[in-house]
C-alpha atoms as a PDB file:
ATOM      1  CA  MET A   1     -17.445 115.230  75.923  1.00  0.00           C
ATOM      2  CA  THR A   2     -16.774 115.928  79.284  1.00  0.00           C
ATOM      3  CA  ASN A   3     -13.395 115.101  81.124  1.00  0.00           C
ATOM      4  CA  PRO A   4     -13.751 112.955  84.215  1.00  0.00           C
ATOM      5  CA  ILE A   5     -11.165 114.897  86.191  1.00  0.00           C
ATOM      6  CA  LEU A   6     -12.918 118.310  85.560  1.00  0.00           C
ATOM      7  CA  SER A   7     -15.810 117.180  86.828  1.00  0.00           C
ATOM      8  CA  THR A   8     -14.714 115.416  89.894  1.00  0.00           C
ATOM      9  CA  ALA A   9     -12.711 118.854  90.504  1.00  0.00           C
ATOM     10  CA  ARG A  10     -16.049 120.793  90.198  1.00  0.00           C
ATOM     11  CA  GLN A  11     -17.577 118.757  92.664  1.00  0.00           C
ATOM     12  CA  ARG A  12     -15.128 119.113  95.058  1.00  0.00           C
ATOM     13  CA  GLY A  13     -15.406 122.997  94.681  1.00  0.00           C
ATOM     14  CA  GLN A  14     -19.647 122.810  94.900  1.00  0.00           C
ATOM     15  CA  GLU A  15     -18.789 120.135  98.153  1.00  0.00           C
ATOM     16  CA  HIS A  16     -16.678 122.789  99.326  1.00  0.00           C
ATOM     17  CA  GLN A  17     -18.343 125.870  98.150  1.00  0.00           C
ATOM     18  CA  LEU A  18     -15.114 126.770  96.495  1.00  0.00           C
ATOM     19  CA  PRO A  19     -15.251 130.588  94.971  1.00  0.00           C
ATOM     20  CA  TYR A  20     -13.539 129.408  91.741  1.00  0.00           C
ATOM     21  CA  ALA A  21     -14.286 126.161  89.521  1.00  0.00           C
ATOM     22  CA  GLY A  22     -12.720 123.509  91.847  1.00  0.00           C
ATOM     23  CA  ALA A  23      -9.623 121.714  92.957  1.00  0.00           C
ATOM     24  CA  VAL A  24      -7.382 118.984  91.782  1.00  0.00           C
ATOM     25  CA  THR A  25      -4.772 116.844  93.319  1.00  0.00           C
ATOM     26  CA  PRO A  26      -1.298 116.880  92.087  1.00  0.00           C
ATOM     27  CA  GLN A  27      -2.027 113.340  90.123  1.00  0.00           C
ATOM     28  CA  GLU A  28      -5.138 114.791  88.777  1.00  0.00           C
ATOM     29  CA  ALA A  29      -3.455 117.968  87.643  1.00  0.00           C
ATOM     30  CA  TYR A  30      -0.578 116.153  85.681  1.00  0.00           C
ATOM     31  CA  ALA A  31      -3.379 113.899  84.033  1.00  0.00           C
ATOM     32  CA  LEU A  32      -5.314 117.036  82.725  1.00  0.00           C
ATOM     33  CA  LEU A  33      -1.993 118.470  81.608  1.00  0.00           C
ATOM     34  CA  GLN A  34      -1.336 115.482  79.657  1.00  0.00           C
ATOM     35  CA  GLN A  35      -4.836 114.954  78.136  1.00  0.00           C
ATOM     36  CA  ASN A  36      -5.517 118.964  77.709  1.00  0.00           C
ATOM     37  CA  PRO A  37      -2.566 120.377  75.775  1.00  0.00           C
ATOM     38  CA  SER A  38      -4.366 123.574  76.064  1.00  0.00           C
ATOM     39  CA  ALA A  39      -4.445 123.365  79.849  1.00  0.00           C
ATOM     40  CA  LYS A  40      -2.118 125.487  81.338  1.00  0.00           C
ATOM     41  CA  LEU A  41      -0.262 125.173  84.943  1.00  0.00           C
ATOM     42  CA  VAL A  42       0.199 128.719  86.486  1.00  0.00           C
ATOM     43  CA  ASP A  43       2.939 128.529  89.104  1.00  0.00           C
ATOM     44  CA  VAL A  44       2.493 131.676  91.096  1.00  0.00           C
ATOM     45  CA  ARG A  45       5.135 131.373  93.663  1.00  0.00           C
ATOM     46  CA  THR A  46       7.856 133.780  93.244  1.00  0.00           C
ATOM     47  CA  ASN A  47      10.706 133.524  90.933  1.00  0.00           C
ATOM     48  CA  ALA A  48      12.784 132.907  93.810  1.00  0.00           C
ATOM     49  CA  GLU A  49      11.141 129.777  94.956  1.00  0.00           C
ATOM     50  CA  ARG A  50      11.129 128.272  91.640  1.00  0.00           C
ATOM     51  CA  ASP A  51      15.262 129.117  90.976  1.00  0.00           C
ATOM     52  CA  TRP A  52      16.065 127.679  94.509  1.00  0.00           C
ATOM     53  CA  VAL A  53      13.541 125.040  95.443  1.00  0.00           C
ATOM     54  CA  GLY A  54      12.602 123.770  92.146  1.00  0.00           C
ATOM     55  CA  ARG A  55       9.714 123.818  88.909  1.00  0.00           C
ATOM     56  CA  VAL A  56       7.772 121.503  87.321  1.00  0.00           C
ATOM     57  CA  ALA A  57       8.741 119.867  84.503  1.00  0.00           C
ATOM     58  CA  LEU A  58       6.196 120.792  81.514  1.00  0.00           C
ATOM     59  CA  ALA A  59       6.149 122.290  78.132  1.00  0.00           C
ATOM     60  CA  ASP A  60       6.592 126.206  77.568  1.00  0.00           C
ATOM     61  CA  SER A  61       3.038 125.973  76.188  1.00  0.00           C
ATOM     62  CA  GLN A  62       1.538 124.388  79.339  1.00  0.00           C
ATOM     63  CA  HIS A  63       3.433 126.638  82.032  1.00  0.00           C
ATOM     64  CA  ALA A  64       3.156 130.479  82.855  1.00  0.00           C
ATOM     65  CA  ALA A  65       5.052 131.756  86.080  1.00  0.00           C
ATOM     66  CA  VAL A  66       3.111 134.515  87.643  1.00  0.00           C
ATOM     67  CA  GLN A  67       4.071 136.045  90.816  1.00  0.00           C
ATOM     68  CA  TRP A  68       1.449 136.373  93.649  1.00  0.00           C
ATOM     69  CA  ASN A  69       3.976 137.995  95.799  1.00  0.00           C
ATOM     70  CA  LEU A  70       7.177 139.296  94.994  1.00  0.00           C
ATOM     71  CA  TYR A  71      10.729 138.740  96.527  1.00  0.00           C
ATOM     72  CA  PRO A  72      12.327 139.910  98.514  1.00  0.00           C
ATOM     73  CA  GLY A  73       9.592 141.329 100.814  1.00  0.00           C
ATOM     74  CA  GLY A  74       6.789 138.910 100.068  1.00  0.00           C
ATOM     75  CA  THR A  75       4.728 142.004  98.976  1.00  0.00           C
ATOM     76  CA  PRO A  76       1.684 141.220  96.854  1.00  0.00           C
ATOM     77  CA  ASN A  77       2.361 142.008  92.977  1.00  0.00           C
ATOM     78  CA  PRO A  78       0.332 144.669  91.688  1.00  0.00           C
ATOM     79  CA  ASP A  79       0.826 143.445  88.159  1.00  0.00           C
ATOM     80  CA  PHE A  80      -0.755 139.795  89.028  1.00  0.00           C
ATOM     81  CA  MET A  81      -3.929 140.196  86.575  1.00  0.00           C
ATOM     82  CA  ARG A  82      -2.072 141.982  83.866  1.00  0.00           C
ATOM     83  CA  GLN A  83       0.749 139.276  83.587  1.00  0.00           C
ATOM     84  CA  LEU A  84      -1.940 136.433  84.196  1.00  0.00           C
ATOM     85  CA  GLU A  85      -3.589 137.976  80.990  1.00  0.00           C
ATOM     86  CA  GLN A  86      -0.258 138.051  78.976  1.00  0.00           C
ATOM     87  CA  VAL A  87      -0.459 133.967  79.249  1.00  0.00           C
ATOM     88  CA  ALA A  88      -4.351 132.715  79.459  1.00  0.00           C
ATOM     89  CA  GLY A  89      -7.502 133.326  77.820  1.00  0.00           C
ATOM     90  CA  LYS A  90     -10.534 133.645  79.931  1.00  0.00           C
ATOM     91  CA  ASP A  91     -12.000 130.403  78.726  1.00  0.00           C
ATOM     92  CA  ASP A  92      -8.201 128.167  79.439  1.00  0.00           C
ATOM     93  CA  VAL A  93      -8.229 125.486  81.982  1.00  0.00           C
ATOM     94  CA  LEU A  94      -5.853 127.669  84.543  1.00  0.00           C
ATOM     95  CA  LEU A  95      -4.342 124.930  87.367  1.00  0.00           C
ATOM     96  CA  PHE A  96      -3.087 127.293  89.646  1.00  0.00           C
ATOM     97  CA  LEU A  97       0.147 125.854  91.936  1.00  0.00           C
ATOM     98  CA  CYS A  98       2.014 127.467  94.834  1.00  0.00           C
ATOM     99  CA  ARG A  99       4.511 125.846  97.650  1.00  0.00           C
ATOM    100  CA  SER A 100       1.555 124.145  99.518  1.00  0.00           C
ATOM    101  CA  GLY A 101      -2.274 125.576  98.278  1.00  0.00           C
ATOM    102  CA  VAL A 102      -2.637 128.855  99.976  1.00  0.00           C
ATOM    103  CA  ARG A 103      -1.409 131.358  97.588  1.00  0.00           C
ATOM    104  CA  SER A 104      -3.140 129.283  94.648  1.00  0.00           C
ATOM    105  CA  ARG A 105      -6.437 129.515  96.036  1.00  0.00           C
ATOM    106  CA  HIS A 106      -6.222 133.175  96.538  1.00  0.00           C
ATOM    107  CA  ALA A 107      -4.837 133.624  92.949  1.00  0.00           C
ATOM    108  CA  ALA A 108      -7.867 131.246  91.412  1.00  0.00           C
ATOM    109  CA  LYS A 109      -9.966 133.145  93.211  1.00  0.00           C
ATOM    110  CA  LEU A 110      -9.192 136.717  91.956  1.00  0.00           C
ATOM    111  CA  ALA A 111      -9.037 135.328  87.924  1.00  0.00           C
ATOM    112  CA  THR A 112     -12.622 133.690  88.793  1.00  0.00           C
ATOM    113  CA  GLU A 113     -13.445 137.554  90.073  1.00  0.00           C
ATOM    114  CA  HIS A 114     -11.741 138.940  86.127  1.00  0.00           C
ATOM    115  CA  GLY A 115     -13.743 136.612  84.521  1.00  0.00           C
ATOM    116  CA  TYR A 116     -11.388 133.409  84.159  1.00  0.00           C
ATOM    117  CA  ALA A 117     -14.129 130.644  83.409  1.00  0.00           C
ATOM    118  CA  ASN A 118     -11.899 127.655  84.138  1.00  0.00           C
ATOM    119  CA  CYS A 119     -10.200 127.895  87.332  1.00  0.00           C
ATOM    120  CA  PHE A 120      -8.435 125.299  89.502  1.00  0.00           C
ATOM    121  CA  ASP A 121      -6.454 125.050  92.441  1.00  0.00           C
ATOM    122  CA  ILE A 122      -4.192 122.554  92.762  1.00  0.00           C
ATOM    123  CA  LEU A 123      -3.962 120.570  96.554  1.00  0.00           C
ATOM    124  CA  GLU A 124      -1.317 120.456  98.527  1.00  0.00           C
ATOM    125  CA  GLY A 125       0.901 122.566  96.258  1.00  0.00           C
ATOM    126  CA  PHE A 126       4.524 121.891  94.831  1.00  0.00           C
ATOM    127  CA  GLU A 127       6.087 121.029  98.024  1.00  0.00           C
ATOM    128  CA  GLY A 128       3.126 120.141 100.111  1.00  0.00           C
ATOM    129  CA  ASP A 129       2.767 120.734 104.001  1.00  0.00           C
ATOM    130  CA  LYS A 130       5.566 120.539 106.627  1.00  0.00           C
ATOM    131  CA  ASP A 131       6.219 117.109 108.150  1.00  0.00           C
ATOM    132  CA  GLY A 132       6.544 116.645 112.013  1.00  0.00           C
ATOM    133  CA  GLU A 133      10.468 117.678 111.354  1.00  0.00           C
ATOM    134  CA  GLY A 134       9.568 120.820 109.615  1.00  0.00           C
ATOM    135  CA  HIS A 135      10.920 119.385 106.277  1.00  0.00           C
ATOM    136  CA  ARG A 136       8.582 119.585 103.189  1.00  0.00           C
ATOM    137  CA  LYS A 137       8.291 117.304 100.013  1.00  0.00           C
ATOM    138  CA  THR A 138       7.313 114.195 102.546  1.00  0.00           C
ATOM    139  CA  VAL A 139       3.846 115.199 103.126  1.00  0.00           C
ATOM    140  CA  GLY A 140       1.569 115.597  99.960  1.00  0.00           C
ATOM    141  CA  GLY A 141       2.476 117.696  97.053  1.00  0.00           C
ATOM    142  CA  TRP A 142       3.504 117.469  93.605  1.00  0.00           C
ATOM    143  CA  CYS A 143       7.246 116.460  94.324  1.00  0.00           C
ATOM    144  CA  LYS A 144       5.858 113.729  96.890  1.00  0.00           C
ATOM    145  CA  ALA A 145       3.562 112.414  94.172  1.00  0.00           C
ATOM    146  CA  GLY A 146       6.704 111.474  91.856  1.00  0.00           C
ATOM    147  CA  LEU A 147       5.649 113.948  89.344  1.00  0.00           C
ATOM    148  CA  PRO A 148       7.856 115.872  86.999  1.00  0.00           C
ATOM    149  CA  TRP A 149      10.328 118.731  88.385  1.00  0.00           C
ATOM    150  CA  LEU A 150      13.484 120.147  88.109  1.00  0.00           C
ATOM    151  CA  GLY A 151      15.101 120.192  90.967  1.00  0.00           C
ATOM    152  CA  ALA A 152      16.961 123.805  92.105  1.00  0.00           C
END
């Protein structure tokens, strides 16, 4: 049976010619995680971001932390793919999350290029875009959607 959330996400991927399976809203990602215990959210933010800003509240079996960039310095994580391989299978449904949806797109693309078949970007990210005053968590994102998260 086809999951309607994944069907919608794949359709978005086709419409926007994404180099990975598709994209989900934060609400769709959370619903999918509730429906599919084998789906995994891959948080690609730095360890510092998760520690200082907050993290999603999910069971460990559905959450993986694989830094796209390293802190401090923001240099690319040379072990990203090796670390992803340790936490996810090639056929798993993987939902990539970052602060606002940029690094997660890159991570979904790279994973797809390495044979992961079901990579999805979580649109808007964890904190969303900045508002008119330069604050996050007020315009889009996992937090703004009221989804479970643990503060710093």
